N, C-alpha and C. Protein backbone atom coordinates (compact mmCIF):
# COMPACT_ATOMS: atom_id res chain seq x y z
N MET A 1 -1.43 114.27 -77.05
CA MET A 1 -0.24 114.71 -77.55
C MET A 1 0.39 116.23 -77.81
N ALA A 2 -0.57 117.28 -77.65
CA ALA A 2 -0.61 118.43 -78.02
C ALA A 2 0.25 118.79 -76.24
N VAL A 3 -0.24 118.37 -75.57
CA VAL A 3 0.26 118.70 -74.01
C VAL A 3 1.34 118.14 -74.04
N ALA A 4 1.56 116.71 -74.13
CA ALA A 4 3.58 116.35 -74.43
C ALA A 4 4.48 117.35 -75.17
N PHE A 5 3.37 118.10 -76.56
CA PHE A 5 4.31 118.91 -77.01
C PHE A 5 4.82 120.02 -76.39
N VAL A 6 3.59 120.97 -75.77
CA VAL A 6 3.92 121.97 -74.86
C VAL A 6 4.84 121.35 -73.58
N PHE A 7 4.29 120.93 -72.76
CA PHE A 7 5.66 120.34 -71.82
C PHE A 7 6.85 119.97 -72.20
N TYR A 8 7.01 119.56 -73.62
CA TYR A 8 8.62 118.91 -73.81
C TYR A 8 9.45 120.11 -74.31
N PHE A 9 8.50 121.29 -75.01
CA PHE A 9 9.66 122.52 -75.46
C PHE A 9 9.62 123.69 -74.70
N LEU A 10 8.48 123.84 -73.61
CA LEU A 10 8.60 124.95 -72.76
C LEU A 10 8.67 124.33 -71.56
N ASP A 11 9.66 124.57 -70.41
CA ASP A 11 9.47 124.76 -69.06
C ASP A 11 8.83 125.64 -68.38
N PRO A 12 7.80 124.71 -67.63
CA PRO A 12 6.87 125.31 -66.86
C PRO A 12 7.85 126.60 -65.86
N ALA A 13 8.78 126.42 -65.27
CA ALA A 13 9.71 127.24 -64.57
C ALA A 13 10.02 128.28 -65.01
N ASP A 14 9.95 128.67 -66.43
CA ASP A 14 10.41 129.77 -67.35
C ASP A 14 8.99 130.73 -67.78
N TYR A 15 7.90 129.92 -67.88
CA TYR A 15 7.07 130.37 -68.50
C TYR A 15 5.78 130.75 -67.74
N LEU A 16 5.36 132.00 -67.61
CA LEU A 16 4.55 132.62 -66.37
C LEU A 16 3.01 132.02 -66.86
N PHE A 17 2.69 131.72 -67.90
CA PHE A 17 1.14 131.39 -68.52
C PHE A 17 0.82 129.49 -67.86
N PHE A 18 1.94 129.32 -67.30
CA PHE A 18 1.67 127.71 -66.27
C PHE A 18 0.75 128.19 -65.38
N PRO A 19 -0.13 127.38 -65.07
CA PRO A 19 -0.62 127.73 -63.58
C PRO A 19 -0.04 127.67 -62.65
N LYS A 20 -0.10 128.23 -61.35
CA LYS A 20 0.87 128.26 -60.37
C LYS A 20 -0.49 127.84 -59.20
N CYS A 21 0.00 127.07 -58.34
CA CYS A 21 -0.64 126.59 -57.44
C CYS A 21 -0.98 127.45 -56.50
N PRO A 22 -2.53 127.00 -56.09
CA PRO A 22 -3.04 128.43 -55.07
C PRO A 22 -3.00 128.08 -54.10
N PHE A 23 -3.01 126.76 -53.90
CA PHE A 23 -3.06 126.34 -52.13
C PHE A 23 -1.18 126.94 -51.88
N LEU A 24 -0.09 126.54 -52.63
CA LEU A 24 0.92 126.94 -52.06
C LEU A 24 1.24 128.86 -52.35
N MET A 25 0.63 129.47 -52.78
CA MET A 25 0.20 130.63 -52.82
C MET A 25 -0.52 131.06 -51.69
N THR A 26 -1.37 130.58 -51.17
CA THR A 26 -2.07 130.94 -50.32
C THR A 26 -1.42 130.36 -48.98
N THR A 27 -0.94 129.46 -48.97
CA THR A 27 -0.40 129.00 -47.03
C THR A 27 0.88 129.10 -47.01
N GLY A 28 1.58 128.69 -48.42
CA GLY A 28 3.18 129.03 -48.25
C GLY A 28 3.54 127.55 -48.23
N LEU A 29 2.72 126.10 -48.66
CA LEU A 29 2.90 124.86 -48.38
C LEU A 29 2.82 124.61 -49.41
N GLU A 30 3.32 123.28 -49.53
CA GLU A 30 3.41 122.33 -50.88
C GLU A 30 1.89 121.66 -51.21
N CYS A 31 1.22 121.63 -52.13
CA CYS A 31 0.09 120.65 -52.17
C CYS A 31 0.84 119.19 -52.46
N PRO A 32 0.29 118.18 -52.90
CA PRO A 32 0.63 116.68 -53.53
C PRO A 32 0.77 117.17 -54.90
N GLY A 33 0.22 118.21 -55.91
CA GLY A 33 0.60 118.30 -57.07
C GLY A 33 1.33 119.76 -57.35
N CYS A 34 2.25 120.11 -56.44
CA CYS A 34 3.24 121.11 -56.68
C CYS A 34 4.52 120.44 -57.39
N GLY A 35 5.12 121.26 -58.54
CA GLY A 35 5.86 120.45 -59.11
C GLY A 35 6.07 119.51 -59.94
N SER A 36 4.47 119.25 -60.18
CA SER A 36 4.16 117.95 -61.29
C SER A 36 4.40 118.60 -62.52
N GLN A 37 3.87 120.20 -62.93
CA GLN A 37 4.50 120.52 -64.03
C GLN A 37 5.98 120.12 -64.42
N ARG A 38 6.55 120.48 -63.61
CA ARG A 38 8.11 120.78 -64.02
C ARG A 38 8.72 119.26 -64.13
N ALA A 39 8.14 118.25 -62.98
CA ALA A 39 8.11 116.97 -63.06
C ALA A 39 8.23 116.50 -64.35
N ILE A 40 7.00 116.71 -65.17
CA ILE A 40 6.68 116.42 -66.38
C ILE A 40 7.27 116.59 -67.59
N HIS A 41 7.70 117.92 -67.43
CA HIS A 41 8.78 118.57 -68.03
C HIS A 41 10.05 117.89 -68.26
N ASP A 42 10.58 117.57 -67.04
CA ASP A 42 11.81 116.63 -66.45
C ASP A 42 11.96 115.27 -67.21
N LEU A 43 10.94 114.57 -67.11
CA LEU A 43 10.43 113.02 -67.43
C LEU A 43 10.61 113.16 -69.02
N LEU A 44 10.05 114.12 -69.68
CA LEU A 44 9.92 113.94 -71.12
C LEU A 44 11.18 114.33 -71.63
N HIS A 45 12.09 115.04 -70.94
CA HIS A 45 13.64 115.00 -71.14
C HIS A 45 14.50 114.10 -70.27
N PHE A 46 14.03 113.07 -70.19
CA PHE A 46 14.43 111.43 -69.31
C PHE A 46 15.49 112.06 -68.32
N ARG A 47 15.20 113.04 -67.65
CA ARG A 47 15.78 113.86 -66.15
C ARG A 47 14.81 113.13 -65.21
N ILE A 48 15.09 111.74 -64.86
CA ILE A 48 14.14 111.12 -63.97
C ILE A 48 14.68 111.65 -62.31
N GLY A 49 16.02 111.87 -61.90
CA GLY A 49 16.17 112.52 -60.95
C GLY A 49 15.74 114.00 -60.83
N ASP A 50 15.69 114.44 -61.56
CA ASP A 50 15.02 116.10 -61.57
C ASP A 50 13.89 115.67 -61.37
N ALA A 51 13.28 114.60 -61.98
CA ALA A 51 11.41 114.72 -61.84
C ALA A 51 11.39 114.30 -60.26
N PHE A 52 12.14 113.21 -60.05
CA PHE A 52 11.64 112.99 -58.48
C PHE A 52 11.95 114.19 -57.83
N ASN A 53 12.96 114.85 -57.94
CA ASN A 53 13.03 116.11 -57.15
C ASN A 53 12.20 117.05 -57.19
N GLN A 54 11.59 117.43 -58.40
CA GLN A 54 10.27 118.30 -58.26
C GLN A 54 8.99 117.74 -57.40
N ASN A 55 8.95 116.40 -58.03
CA ASN A 55 7.46 115.79 -57.43
C ASN A 55 7.57 114.25 -57.34
N ALA A 56 8.17 113.93 -56.37
CA ALA A 56 8.23 112.36 -56.25
C ALA A 56 7.00 111.28 -56.86
N ILE A 57 5.85 111.99 -56.72
CA ILE A 57 4.54 111.25 -57.16
C ILE A 57 4.50 110.89 -58.57
N VAL A 58 4.85 111.97 -59.50
CA VAL A 58 4.31 111.73 -60.63
C VAL A 58 5.37 110.64 -61.32
N PRO A 59 6.71 110.45 -61.47
CA PRO A 59 6.99 109.36 -61.71
C PRO A 59 6.67 108.50 -61.28
N ILE A 60 6.16 108.16 -60.49
CA ILE A 60 5.47 106.64 -59.70
C ILE A 60 4.31 106.49 -60.38
N ALA A 61 3.29 107.54 -60.42
CA ALA A 61 2.22 107.51 -60.90
C ALA A 61 2.00 107.55 -62.43
N ILE A 62 2.54 107.99 -63.10
CA ILE A 62 2.61 107.68 -64.60
C ILE A 62 2.62 106.18 -64.90
N PRO A 63 3.59 105.59 -64.65
CA PRO A 63 3.25 103.96 -65.23
C PRO A 63 1.77 103.55 -64.51
N TYR A 64 1.48 103.78 -63.49
CA TYR A 64 0.42 103.17 -62.71
C TYR A 64 -0.99 103.96 -63.89
N ILE A 65 -0.96 105.20 -64.18
CA ILE A 65 -1.74 105.75 -65.13
C ILE A 65 -1.85 105.05 -66.31
N PHE A 66 -0.73 104.67 -67.06
CA PHE A 66 -0.41 103.77 -68.13
C PHE A 66 -0.93 102.49 -68.35
N LEU A 67 -0.80 101.69 -66.87
CA LEU A 67 -1.26 100.51 -66.25
C LEU A 67 -3.03 100.93 -66.63
N GLY A 68 -3.65 101.61 -65.87
CA GLY A 68 -5.11 101.70 -66.03
C GLY A 68 -5.60 101.76 -67.36
N ILE A 69 -4.93 102.80 -67.82
CA ILE A 69 -5.32 103.24 -69.56
C ILE A 69 -5.29 101.67 -70.39
N TYR A 70 -4.23 101.24 -69.99
CA TYR A 70 -4.26 99.46 -71.09
C TYR A 70 -5.29 98.66 -70.30
N LEU A 71 -5.50 98.36 -69.31
CA LEU A 71 -6.21 97.84 -68.43
C LEU A 71 -7.94 97.93 -69.28
N ASP A 72 -8.04 99.33 -69.09
CA ASP A 72 -9.44 99.74 -69.35
C ASP A 72 -9.86 99.76 -70.83
N LEU A 73 -8.99 100.46 -71.85
CA LEU A 73 -9.00 100.42 -73.15
C LEU A 73 -8.95 99.64 -73.74
N PHE A 74 -7.85 98.67 -73.48
CA PHE A 74 -6.97 97.36 -74.71
C PHE A 74 -7.14 96.57 -74.10
N GLY A 75 -8.58 96.04 -73.53
CA GLY A 75 -9.01 94.47 -73.38
C GLY A 75 -8.00 94.40 -72.17
N GLY A 76 -7.16 94.75 -71.23
CA GLY A 76 -6.29 93.76 -70.40
C GLY A 76 -7.13 93.83 -69.15
N LYS A 77 -8.22 94.34 -68.98
CA LYS A 77 -9.11 93.56 -67.77
C LYS A 77 -9.44 91.79 -68.14
N GLU A 78 -9.74 92.07 -69.02
CA GLU A 78 -10.09 90.48 -69.25
C GLU A 78 -8.81 89.39 -69.03
N LYS A 79 -7.57 89.90 -69.63
CA LYS A 79 -6.35 88.89 -69.75
C LYS A 79 -6.07 89.17 -68.45
N TYR A 80 -6.16 90.32 -67.83
CA TYR A 80 -5.29 90.66 -66.45
C TYR A 80 -6.25 90.83 -65.24
N SER A 81 -7.33 89.86 -65.16
CA SER A 81 -8.21 90.35 -64.12
C SER A 81 -7.46 90.82 -62.31
N ARG A 82 -6.57 89.74 -62.49
CA ARG A 82 -6.16 89.55 -60.90
C ARG A 82 -5.48 90.94 -60.86
N LEU A 83 -4.26 91.34 -61.63
CA LEU A 83 -4.03 92.47 -62.17
C LEU A 83 -4.65 93.76 -61.32
N GLU A 84 -5.74 93.71 -62.27
CA GLU A 84 -6.60 94.53 -62.42
C GLU A 84 -7.35 94.84 -60.97
N ARG A 85 -7.49 93.95 -60.42
CA ARG A 85 -8.28 93.95 -58.94
C ARG A 85 -7.24 94.62 -57.81
N PHE A 86 -5.73 93.72 -57.98
CA PHE A 86 -4.88 94.31 -57.18
C PHE A 86 -4.29 95.90 -57.09
N PHE A 87 -4.37 96.47 -58.24
CA PHE A 87 -3.52 97.91 -58.56
C PHE A 87 -5.12 98.90 -58.37
N PHE A 88 -6.32 98.13 -58.70
CA PHE A 88 -7.57 99.29 -58.76
C PHE A 88 -8.56 98.99 -58.16
N GLY A 89 -8.35 98.04 -57.38
CA GLY A 89 -9.76 97.37 -56.38
C GLY A 89 -9.91 98.19 -55.29
N LYS A 90 -10.87 98.18 -54.30
CA LYS A 90 -11.53 98.91 -53.34
C LYS A 90 -10.28 99.58 -52.42
N TRP A 91 -9.36 98.14 -51.80
CA TRP A 91 -8.14 98.71 -51.08
C TRP A 91 -6.97 99.44 -51.90
N ALA A 92 -6.90 99.34 -53.35
CA ALA A 92 -6.07 100.13 -53.59
C ALA A 92 -6.09 101.41 -53.67
N GLY A 93 -7.75 101.98 -54.03
CA GLY A 93 -7.88 103.02 -53.73
C GLY A 93 -7.55 104.13 -52.29
N PHE A 94 -8.00 102.96 -51.14
CA PHE A 94 -7.20 103.21 -50.23
C PHE A 94 -5.71 103.89 -49.78
N ILE A 95 -5.46 102.99 -50.43
CA ILE A 95 -3.98 102.90 -50.44
C ILE A 95 -3.24 104.38 -51.19
N VAL A 96 -3.87 104.40 -52.22
CA VAL A 96 -3.73 105.62 -53.02
C VAL A 96 -3.81 106.85 -52.25
N ILE A 97 -4.76 106.86 -51.81
CA ILE A 97 -5.25 108.07 -51.22
C ILE A 97 -4.00 108.16 -49.90
N PHE A 98 -3.91 107.16 -48.98
CA PHE A 98 -2.97 107.31 -48.15
C PHE A 98 -1.79 107.73 -48.43
N VAL A 99 -1.12 107.26 -49.54
CA VAL A 99 0.20 107.48 -50.12
C VAL A 99 0.13 109.13 -50.24
N ILE A 100 -1.03 109.32 -51.50
CA ILE A 100 -0.81 110.87 -51.39
C ILE A 100 -0.81 111.86 -50.40
N ILE A 101 -1.89 111.31 -48.70
CA ILE A 101 -1.79 112.43 -47.98
C ILE A 101 -0.35 112.33 -47.23
N GLY A 102 0.20 110.86 -47.23
CA GLY A 102 1.27 110.98 -46.50
C GLY A 102 2.52 111.68 -47.38
N TYR A 103 2.50 111.65 -48.55
CA TYR A 103 3.36 112.38 -49.13
C TYR A 103 3.37 114.14 -48.96
N TRP A 104 1.89 114.46 -49.46
CA TRP A 104 1.65 115.95 -48.57
C TRP A 104 2.39 116.24 -47.37
N VAL A 105 2.02 115.38 -46.50
CA VAL A 105 2.37 116.02 -45.18
C VAL A 105 4.12 115.80 -45.08
N LEU A 106 4.75 114.96 -45.51
CA LEU A 106 5.89 114.83 -45.59
C LEU A 106 6.75 115.73 -46.34
N ARG A 107 6.28 115.85 -47.17
CA ARG A 107 7.10 117.18 -48.38
C ARG A 107 7.05 118.32 -47.42
N ASN A 108 6.03 118.60 -46.45
CA ASN A 108 5.91 120.15 -46.14
C ASN A 108 6.89 119.56 -44.44
N ILE A 109 7.02 118.66 -44.35
CA ILE A 109 7.74 118.50 -42.89
C ILE A 109 9.51 118.49 -43.28
N PHE A 110 9.81 117.56 -44.42
CA PHE A 110 10.71 117.73 -44.70
C PHE A 110 11.60 118.94 -45.69
């Protein structure tokens, strides 16, 4: 909750104490995480389009992360075992890695 509070009230684009991407600073290319702090700030203010413009992975990943938290911490694995295997099985991990690497490459091309 404290992190959400900070990201809600402080825009990472305006404050220097938010960490900068070392990959971007070194190469001039954006990594898959570049813009994620600004995207979280935009999501907390319900600016979904702006969040997608900052980092398209974040608005997609947050529901995925919350599903994983529900399945792991709140007994969802027993109730929805097929859902858990589909979204968090071995092949799902390969797909997530493929999507992240593909996003990394494409965002630097376009």
